[in-house]
C-alpha atoms as a PDB file:
ATOM      1  CA  MET A   1       6.381  14.289 -18.866  1.00  0.00           C
ATOM      2  CA  ASN A   2       5.649  17.369 -16.836  1.00  0.00           C
ATOM      3  CA  ASP A   3       8.680  17.793 -15.343  1.00  0.00           C
ATOM      4  CA  TYR A   4      10.000  17.354 -18.998  1.00  0.00           C
ATOM      5  CA  VAL A   5       8.058  20.047 -20.498  1.00  0.00           C
ATOM      6  CA  THR A   6       9.055  22.330 -17.124  1.00  0.00           C
ATOM      7  CA  ALA A   7      12.705  21.638 -17.667  1.00  0.00           C
ATOM      8  CA  VAL A   8      12.025  23.120 -21.561  1.00  0.00           C
ATOM      9  CA  LEU A   9      10.181  25.992 -20.713  1.00  0.00           C
ATOM     10  CA  ASP A  10      12.390  26.757 -18.127  1.00  0.00           C
ATOM     11  CA  ALA A  11      15.571  26.550 -20.548  1.00  0.00           C
ATOM     12  CA  ALA A  12      13.605  28.685 -23.349  1.00  0.00           C
ATOM     13  CA  THR A  13      12.583  30.971 -20.972  1.00  0.00           C
ATOM     14  CA  ASN A  14      16.153  32.567 -19.465  1.00  0.00           C
ATOM     15  CA  PRO A  15      17.223  35.869 -21.545  1.00  0.00           C
ATOM     16  CA  SER A  16      20.744  35.567 -19.492  1.00  0.00           C
ATOM     17  CA  LEU A  17      22.109  34.772 -22.176  1.00  0.00           C
ATOM     18  CA  ALA A  18      23.353  37.185 -25.312  1.00  0.00           C
ATOM     19  CA  GLY A  19      24.208  35.428 -28.731  1.00  0.00           C
ATOM     20  CA  SER A  20      21.540  35.043 -31.932  1.00  0.00           C
ATOM     21  CA  GLU A  21      18.151  33.368 -30.670  1.00  0.00           C
ATOM     22  CA  ALA A  22      19.371  29.372 -31.552  1.00  0.00           C
ATOM     23  CA  GLU A  23      22.712  30.536 -29.737  1.00  0.00           C
ATOM     24  CA  ARG A  24      20.880  31.619 -26.584  1.00  0.00           C
ATOM     25  CA  LEU A  25      18.029  28.594 -26.638  1.00  0.00           C
ATOM     26  CA  ARG A  26      21.071  25.966 -27.080  1.00  0.00           C
ATOM     27  CA  GLU A  27      22.793  27.433 -24.506  1.00  0.00           C
ATOM     28  CA  ARG A  28      19.285  27.280 -22.629  1.00  0.00           C
ATOM     29  CA  LEU A  29      18.972  23.953 -23.257  1.00  0.00           C
ATOM     30  CA  ASP A  30      22.109  22.616 -22.423  1.00  0.00           C
ATOM     31  CA  GLN A  31      22.417  24.431 -18.779  1.00  0.00           C
ATOM     32  CA  ALA A  32      18.974  22.397 -18.337  1.00  0.00           C
ATOM     33  CA  GLY A  33      20.738  19.109 -19.598  1.00  0.00           C
ATOM     34  CA  LEU A  34      18.090  18.822 -22.430  1.00  0.00           C
ATOM     35  CA  LEU A  35      20.967  19.204 -25.133  1.00  0.00           C
ATOM     36  CA  ALA A  36      22.679  15.961 -26.369  1.00  0.00           C
ATOM     37  CA  ASP A  37      26.633  16.334 -27.386  1.00  0.00           C
ATOM     38  CA  GLN A  38      26.946  17.213 -31.134  1.00  0.00           C
ATOM     39  CA  GLY A  39      30.152  15.157 -31.595  1.00  0.00           C
ATOM     40  CA  LYS A  40      32.175  15.493 -34.865  1.00  0.00           C
ATOM     41  CA  PRO A  41      31.396  17.418 -37.435  1.00  0.00           C
ATOM     42  CA  ARG A  42      30.486  15.178 -40.398  1.00  0.00           C
ATOM     43  CA  ARG A  43      30.019  16.276 -44.125  1.00  0.00           C
ATOM     44  CA  ARG A  44      27.063  15.965 -46.291  1.00  0.00           C
ATOM     45  CA  PRO A  45      27.572  13.547 -48.553  1.00  0.00           C
ATOM     46  CA  SER A  46      28.061  14.420 -52.410  1.00  0.00           C
ATOM     47  CA  ARG A  47      24.361  14.212 -54.684  1.00  0.00           C
ATOM     48  CA  ASP A  48      26.829  12.025 -56.976  1.00  0.00           C
ATOM     49  CA  GLU A  49      26.892   9.542 -53.386  1.00  0.00           C
ATOM     50  CA  THR A  50      23.572  10.025 -52.131  1.00  0.00           C
ATOM     51  CA  GLU A  51      22.330   8.670 -55.867  1.00  0.00           C
ATOM     52  CA  ARG A  52      24.904   5.696 -56.030  1.00  0.00           C
ATOM     53  CA  ALA A  53      23.573   4.603 -52.871  1.00  0.00           C
ATOM     54  CA  ARG A  54      20.028   5.089 -53.968  1.00  0.00           C
ATOM     55  CA  ARG A  55      20.572   2.906 -57.011  1.00  0.00           C
ATOM     56  CA  HIS A  56      22.322   0.348 -55.176  1.00  0.00           C
ATOM     57  CA  ALA A  57      19.773   0.096 -52.108  1.00  0.00           C
ATOM     58  CA  GLY A  58      17.056  -0.574 -54.886  1.00  0.00           C
ATOM     59  CA  ARG A  59      18.782  -3.809 -55.935  1.00  0.00           C
ATOM     60  CA  GLY A  60      17.884  -7.178 -54.426  1.00  0.00           C
ATOM     61  CA  THR A  61      15.174  -8.870 -52.837  1.00  0.00           C
ATOM     62  CA  ALA A  62      12.138  -6.064 -52.071  1.00  0.00           C
ATOM     63  CA  LEU A  63      11.402  -6.608 -48.497  1.00  0.00           C
ATOM     64  CA  ALA A  64       7.221  -7.557 -49.232  1.00  0.00           C
ATOM     65  CA  GLU A  65       8.793 -10.552 -51.481  1.00  0.00           C
ATOM     66  CA  LEU A  66      10.311 -11.675 -48.178  1.00  0.00           C
ATOM     67  CA  VAL A  67       7.977 -11.116 -45.748  1.00  0.00           C
ATOM     68  CA  SER A  68       5.560 -13.099 -48.356  1.00  0.00           C
ATOM     69  CA  GLN A  69       8.167 -15.949 -48.472  1.00  0.00           C
ATOM     70  CA  ASP A  70       7.875 -16.559 -44.843  1.00  0.00           C
ATOM     71  CA  ARG A  71       4.098 -16.536 -44.556  1.00  0.00           C
END
């Protein structure tokens, strides 16, 4: 755990990079090997898609009922 904290603090205190504070921190963490690959950009689902998914997820047998049936 101490090695991880030391690596994060070392990455956060290296002032050699330019750009915004977020960019500098991201670069420092990347240099220290602590930044995960972001992959392809993704889009946020629309409000309608989210509401539809929420309604769909609310149907069916409740988890509490399934648990109590197996006891």
